[in-house]
Each structure stands twice: as structure tokens, then as C-alpha cells.
Amino acid sequence: MSDAHLRPHRVRGTIAPYFMDRHAIGPDDAIDFVPRNPAEAKALAALVADGVVRATPARKLWFDLDRHAAAETRRAQTRAMIGIAISVLIAAIAVLFYRG
């Protein structure tokens, strides 16, 4: 395990805070979790698909902080690239309409 458990964490949604509140951040701390509604089931499935929520052989679940941080970094990088592309497009359009 890295030092991810020492860093402050910002988690959103309903699933991640549930695991964080119960300190289920490692295989030894895994807990039973049953989604209460279809929205939670969908959110859990997305987290499992990303590898952020992982299962033990006993089918208990835990929240992987390292993978969560990596997923957040990927999302932030994607947003930054989209923002840069939009900015360049706006600048190019502005240059096209410039009559100086």
C-alpha cells in the first residue's frame, strides 16, 4: 500500500463516502455492501469497472485509494485537454473574424 491513506481525500457520490466512513480502504478492512437502489447499483458497477472498488475472495468490498487518485488524475487531465482544445478553437475563430 502506498501513502495514499495519509493524504486528504475528496470523494463524491454516495458509494465512496460510505467506504471512507467505515475505513474500508484495504483488503483487511473490507466490508459487506449491498446497494440500496438502482442508482447506487449503477454507481457501484462503475467504480468496480474502474477498479476503484475491489473485492476480496470472501466477496467483501474495499475502496482502493491509489486507483481512485489515478482515476481522478486521468479525469482532470482529460478535462484540461478538452479545455485547451476549446480555447484554441475559440482563438482560431476570433482570428478569422478579426478585421484590423
N, C-alpha and C. Protein backbone atom coordinates (compact mmCIF):
# COMPACT_ATOMS: atom_id res chain seq x y z
N MET A 1 0.85 -1.17 0.00
CA MET A 1 0.00 0.00 0.00
C MET A 1 0.90 1.24 0.00
N SER A 2 0.56 2.21 -0.77
CA SER A 2 1.33 3.45 -0.81
C SER A 2 0.91 4.37 0.33
N ASP A 3 1.35 5.60 0.25
CA ASP A 3 0.99 6.56 1.28
C ASP A 3 -0.34 7.25 0.99
N ALA A 4 -1.14 6.69 0.09
CA ALA A 4 -2.42 7.30 -0.27
C ALA A 4 -3.34 7.45 0.93
N HIS A 5 -3.24 6.52 1.87
CA HIS A 5 -4.12 6.60 3.05
C HIS A 5 -3.75 7.77 3.95
N LEU A 6 -2.58 8.37 3.74
CA LEU A 6 -2.15 9.51 4.55
C LEU A 6 -2.59 10.85 3.96
N ARG A 7 -2.91 10.87 2.68
CA ARG A 7 -3.29 12.11 2.00
C ARG A 7 -4.76 12.44 2.26
N PRO A 8 -5.10 13.73 2.25
CA PRO A 8 -6.52 14.07 2.36
C PRO A 8 -7.26 13.65 1.09
N HIS A 9 -8.49 13.26 1.24
CA HIS A 9 -9.25 12.75 0.09
C HIS A 9 -10.55 13.50 -0.08
N ARG A 10 -10.86 13.76 -1.33
CA ARG A 10 -12.13 14.38 -1.66
C ARG A 10 -12.89 13.35 -2.49
N VAL A 11 -13.89 12.79 -1.90
CA VAL A 11 -14.69 11.80 -2.60
C VAL A 11 -16.11 12.32 -2.74
N ARG A 12 -16.71 11.97 -3.85
CA ARG A 12 -18.07 12.43 -4.13
C ARG A 12 -18.98 11.23 -4.34
N GLY A 13 -20.27 11.51 -4.39
CA GLY A 13 -21.23 10.45 -4.62
C GLY A 13 -21.72 9.86 -3.31
N THR A 14 -22.33 8.71 -3.39
CA THR A 14 -22.84 8.06 -2.19
C THR A 14 -22.02 6.84 -1.81
N ILE A 15 -21.40 6.21 -2.78
CA ILE A 15 -20.68 4.96 -2.52
C ILE A 15 -19.34 5.23 -1.84
N ALA A 16 -18.53 6.11 -2.40
CA ALA A 16 -17.19 6.35 -1.87
C ALA A 16 -17.22 6.83 -0.42
N PRO A 17 -18.06 7.81 -0.07
CA PRO A 17 -18.09 8.22 1.35
C PRO A 17 -18.50 7.08 2.29
N TYR A 18 -19.34 6.20 1.81
CA TYR A 18 -19.76 5.05 2.63
C TYR A 18 -18.54 4.22 3.01
N PHE A 19 -17.68 3.92 2.04
CA PHE A 19 -16.49 3.13 2.30
C PHE A 19 -15.49 3.91 3.16
N MET A 20 -15.34 5.20 2.88
CA MET A 20 -14.39 6.02 3.63
C MET A 20 -14.83 6.15 5.10
N ASP A 21 -16.12 6.35 5.33
CA ASP A 21 -16.62 6.47 6.70
C ASP A 21 -16.37 5.20 7.51
N ARG A 22 -16.36 4.07 6.85
CA ARG A 22 -16.15 2.80 7.53
C ARG A 22 -14.70 2.35 7.46
N HIS A 23 -13.84 3.20 6.93
CA HIS A 23 -12.40 2.95 6.79
C HIS A 23 -12.12 1.66 6.02
N ALA A 24 -12.93 1.38 5.03
CA ALA A 24 -12.74 0.19 4.20
C ALA A 24 -11.84 0.55 3.03
N ILE A 25 -10.55 0.79 3.34
CA ILE A 25 -9.60 1.26 2.32
C ILE A 25 -8.50 0.25 2.06
N GLY A 26 -8.70 -0.97 2.46
CA GLY A 26 -7.73 -2.02 2.20
C GLY A 26 -8.42 -3.37 2.30
N PRO A 27 -7.79 -4.40 1.77
CA PRO A 27 -8.42 -5.72 1.80
C PRO A 27 -8.70 -6.23 3.22
N ASP A 28 -7.86 -5.82 4.17
CA ASP A 28 -8.08 -6.25 5.55
C ASP A 28 -9.27 -5.55 6.19
N ASP A 29 -9.65 -4.39 5.64
CA ASP A 29 -10.76 -3.61 6.19
C ASP A 29 -12.03 -3.74 5.37
N ALA A 30 -12.08 -4.68 4.44
CA ALA A 30 -13.21 -4.82 3.52
C ALA A 30 -14.52 -5.05 4.28
N ILE A 31 -15.59 -4.56 3.67
CA ILE A 31 -16.91 -4.65 4.30
C ILE A 31 -17.93 -5.24 3.33
N ASP A 32 -19.05 -5.66 3.88
CA ASP A 32 -20.18 -6.08 3.05
C ASP A 32 -20.90 -4.81 2.59
N PHE A 33 -21.31 -4.79 1.36
CA PHE A 33 -22.06 -3.64 0.86
C PHE A 33 -23.11 -4.13 -0.12
N VAL A 34 -24.34 -3.71 0.11
CA VAL A 34 -25.45 -4.03 -0.79
C VAL A 34 -26.08 -2.70 -1.19
N PRO A 35 -26.11 -2.40 -2.50
CA PRO A 35 -26.73 -1.15 -2.95
C PRO A 35 -28.19 -1.09 -2.52
N ARG A 36 -28.62 0.11 -2.12
CA ARG A 36 -29.99 0.29 -1.64
C ARG A 36 -30.98 0.56 -2.76
N ASN A 37 -30.49 1.02 -3.91
CA ASN A 37 -31.39 1.34 -5.02
C ASN A 37 -30.63 1.16 -6.33
N PRO A 38 -31.34 1.23 -7.46
CA PRO A 38 -30.68 1.04 -8.76
C PRO A 38 -29.59 2.08 -9.06
N ALA A 39 -29.75 3.30 -8.56
CA ALA A 39 -28.73 4.33 -8.80
C ALA A 39 -27.43 3.96 -8.09
N GLU A 40 -27.53 3.46 -6.87
CA GLU A 40 -26.33 3.03 -6.15
C GLU A 40 -25.71 1.81 -6.83
N ALA A 41 -26.53 0.92 -7.33
CA ALA A 41 -26.02 -0.26 -8.03
C ALA A 41 -25.23 0.15 -9.27
N LYS A 42 -25.75 1.14 -9.98
CA LYS A 42 -25.07 1.63 -11.18
C LYS A 42 -23.74 2.32 -10.81
N ALA A 43 -23.76 3.13 -9.75
CA ALA A 43 -22.55 3.81 -9.30
C ALA A 43 -21.51 2.79 -8.83
N LEU A 44 -21.95 1.77 -8.11
CA LEU A 44 -21.03 0.73 -7.65
C LEU A 44 -20.42 -0.02 -8.83
N ALA A 45 -21.25 -0.34 -9.82
CA ALA A 45 -20.75 -1.04 -11.01
C ALA A 45 -19.69 -0.21 -11.72
N ALA A 46 -19.89 1.10 -11.80
CA ALA A 46 -18.91 1.97 -12.44
C ALA A 46 -17.60 1.99 -11.65
N LEU A 47 -17.69 2.05 -10.33
CA LEU A 47 -16.49 2.05 -9.50
C LEU A 47 -15.75 0.72 -9.59
N VAL A 48 -16.49 -0.37 -9.64
CA VAL A 48 -15.87 -1.69 -9.79
C VAL A 48 -15.20 -1.80 -11.15
N ALA A 49 -15.86 -1.29 -12.20
CA ALA A 49 -15.29 -1.34 -13.55
C ALA A 49 -13.99 -0.52 -13.63
N ASP A 50 -13.93 0.59 -12.90
CA ASP A 50 -12.72 1.42 -12.88
C ASP A 50 -11.64 0.81 -11.98
N GLY A 51 -12.00 -0.19 -11.19
CA GLY A 51 -11.05 -0.80 -10.28
C GLY A 51 -10.88 -0.03 -8.98
N VAL A 52 -11.75 0.94 -8.75
CA VAL A 52 -11.67 1.75 -7.53
C VAL A 52 -12.23 0.98 -6.34
N VAL A 53 -13.33 0.28 -6.55
CA VAL A 53 -13.87 -0.61 -5.52
C VAL A 53 -13.48 -2.02 -5.93
N ARG A 54 -12.82 -2.70 -5.00
CA ARG A 54 -12.31 -4.04 -5.29
C ARG A 54 -12.91 -5.04 -4.30
N ALA A 55 -12.89 -6.30 -4.68
CA ALA A 55 -13.48 -7.35 -3.85
C ALA A 55 -12.40 -8.30 -3.34
N THR A 56 -12.62 -8.80 -2.16
CA THR A 56 -11.76 -9.83 -1.59
C THR A 56 -12.28 -11.19 -2.04
N PRO A 57 -11.52 -12.25 -1.83
CA PRO A 57 -12.05 -13.58 -2.16
C PRO A 57 -13.32 -13.93 -1.40
N ALA A 58 -13.51 -13.31 -0.23
CA ALA A 58 -14.72 -13.56 0.56
C ALA A 58 -15.89 -12.67 0.10
N ARG A 59 -15.71 -11.97 -1.01
CA ARG A 59 -16.72 -11.10 -1.61
C ARG A 59 -17.06 -9.87 -0.77
N LYS A 60 -16.12 -9.44 0.04
CA LYS A 60 -16.28 -8.18 0.75
C LYS A 60 -15.60 -7.11 -0.10
N LEU A 61 -16.07 -5.89 0.01
CA LEU A 61 -15.59 -4.82 -0.86
C LEU A 61 -14.75 -3.81 -0.09
N TRP A 62 -13.80 -3.20 -0.81
CA TRP A 62 -12.98 -2.15 -0.23
C TRP A 62 -12.67 -1.11 -1.29
N PHE A 63 -12.37 0.10 -0.83
CA PHE A 63 -12.13 1.26 -1.68
C PHE A 63 -10.63 1.44 -1.85
N ASP A 64 -10.14 1.34 -3.09
CA ASP A 64 -8.70 1.46 -3.38
C ASP A 64 -8.36 2.93 -3.60
N LEU A 65 -7.70 3.54 -2.62
CA LEU A 65 -7.38 4.97 -2.69
C LEU A 65 -6.40 5.29 -3.82
N ASP A 66 -5.45 4.40 -4.07
CA ASP A 66 -4.48 4.64 -5.15
C ASP A 66 -5.18 4.69 -6.50
N ARG A 67 -6.05 3.75 -6.75
CA ARG A 67 -6.77 3.74 -8.03
C ARG A 67 -7.74 4.91 -8.13
N HIS A 68 -8.31 5.29 -7.00
CA HIS A 68 -9.20 6.46 -7.00
C HIS A 68 -8.41 7.71 -7.39
N ALA A 69 -7.22 7.88 -6.80
CA ALA A 69 -6.38 9.04 -7.12
C ALA A 69 -5.96 9.01 -8.59
N ALA A 70 -5.62 7.84 -9.10
CA ALA A 70 -5.24 7.72 -10.51
C ALA A 70 -6.41 8.06 -11.43
N ALA A 71 -7.60 7.60 -11.07
CA ALA A 71 -8.78 7.89 -11.89
C ALA A 71 -9.10 9.38 -11.86
N GLU A 72 -8.96 10.01 -10.69
CA GLU A 72 -9.18 11.47 -10.59
C GLU A 72 -8.16 12.23 -11.44
N THR A 73 -6.91 11.79 -11.42
CA THR A 73 -5.87 12.44 -12.22
C THR A 73 -6.18 12.30 -13.71
N ARG A 74 -6.61 11.12 -14.13
CA ARG A 74 -6.97 10.91 -15.55
C ARG A 74 -8.12 11.83 -15.96
N ARG A 75 -9.14 11.93 -15.10
CA ARG A 75 -10.27 12.79 -15.42
C ARG A 75 -9.85 14.26 -15.49
N ALA A 76 -8.99 14.68 -14.57
CA ALA A 76 -8.52 16.07 -14.57
C ALA A 76 -7.70 16.36 -15.83
N GLN A 77 -6.86 15.43 -16.23
CA GLN A 77 -6.06 15.61 -17.44
C GLN A 77 -6.95 15.68 -18.68
N THR A 78 -7.97 14.85 -18.71
CA THR A 78 -8.91 14.87 -19.84
C THR A 78 -9.64 16.20 -19.90
N ARG A 79 -10.10 16.69 -18.75
CA ARG A 79 -10.78 18.00 -18.73
C ARG A 79 -9.85 19.11 -19.17
N ALA A 80 -8.59 19.05 -18.76
CA ALA A 80 -7.63 20.07 -19.15
C ALA A 80 -7.40 20.05 -20.65
N MET A 81 -7.25 18.88 -21.23
CA MET A 81 -7.04 18.78 -22.68
C MET A 81 -8.24 19.30 -23.46
N ILE A 82 -9.44 18.98 -22.99
CA ILE A 82 -10.64 19.48 -23.65
C ILE A 82 -10.71 21.00 -23.54
N GLY A 83 -10.37 21.54 -22.37
CA GLY A 83 -10.37 22.99 -22.18
C GLY A 83 -9.37 23.68 -23.09
N ILE A 84 -8.20 23.10 -23.24
CA ILE A 84 -7.19 23.68 -24.14
C ILE A 84 -7.68 23.64 -25.58
N ALA A 85 -8.25 22.53 -25.99
CA ALA A 85 -8.74 22.41 -27.37
C ALA A 85 -9.84 23.43 -27.65
N ILE A 86 -10.74 23.62 -26.72
CA ILE A 86 -11.81 24.60 -26.89
C ILE A 86 -11.24 26.01 -26.95
N SER A 87 -10.25 26.30 -26.10
CA SER A 87 -9.62 27.63 -26.10
C SER A 87 -8.93 27.91 -27.43
N VAL A 88 -8.23 26.94 -27.97
CA VAL A 88 -7.55 27.11 -29.26
C VAL A 88 -8.59 27.31 -30.36
N LEU A 89 -9.68 26.58 -30.31
CA LEU A 89 -10.74 26.74 -31.31
C LEU A 89 -11.35 28.13 -31.24
N ILE A 90 -11.62 28.62 -30.04
CA ILE A 90 -12.17 29.96 -29.88
C ILE A 90 -11.19 31.01 -30.40
N ALA A 91 -9.91 30.83 -30.09
CA ALA A 91 -8.89 31.78 -30.58
C ALA A 91 -8.82 31.76 -32.11
N ALA A 92 -8.90 30.58 -32.71
CA ALA A 92 -8.85 30.47 -34.17
C ALA A 92 -10.06 31.16 -34.80
N ILE A 93 -11.22 30.98 -34.22
CA ILE A 93 -12.43 31.64 -34.73
C ILE A 93 -12.31 33.15 -34.59
N ALA A 94 -11.77 33.59 -33.46
CA ALA A 94 -11.59 35.04 -33.26
C ALA A 94 -10.63 35.63 -34.30
N VAL A 95 -9.59 34.91 -34.63
CA VAL A 95 -8.63 35.37 -35.64
C VAL A 95 -9.30 35.45 -37.01
N LEU A 96 -10.15 34.49 -37.32
CA LEU A 96 -10.86 34.50 -38.59
C LEU A 96 -11.75 35.73 -38.75
N PHE A 97 -12.36 36.16 -37.67
CA PHE A 97 -13.27 37.30 -37.73
C PHE A 97 -12.59 38.65 -37.47
N TYR A 98 -11.31 38.63 -37.20
CA TYR A 98 -10.57 39.86 -36.92
C TYR A 98 -10.41 40.66 -38.20
N ARG A 99 -10.76 41.93 -38.15
CA ARG A 99 -10.60 42.82 -39.31
C ARG A 99 -9.82 44.05 -38.83
N GLY A 100 -8.55 43.93 -38.85
CA GLY A 100 -7.73 45.02 -38.31
C GLY A 100 -6.99 45.66 -39.37
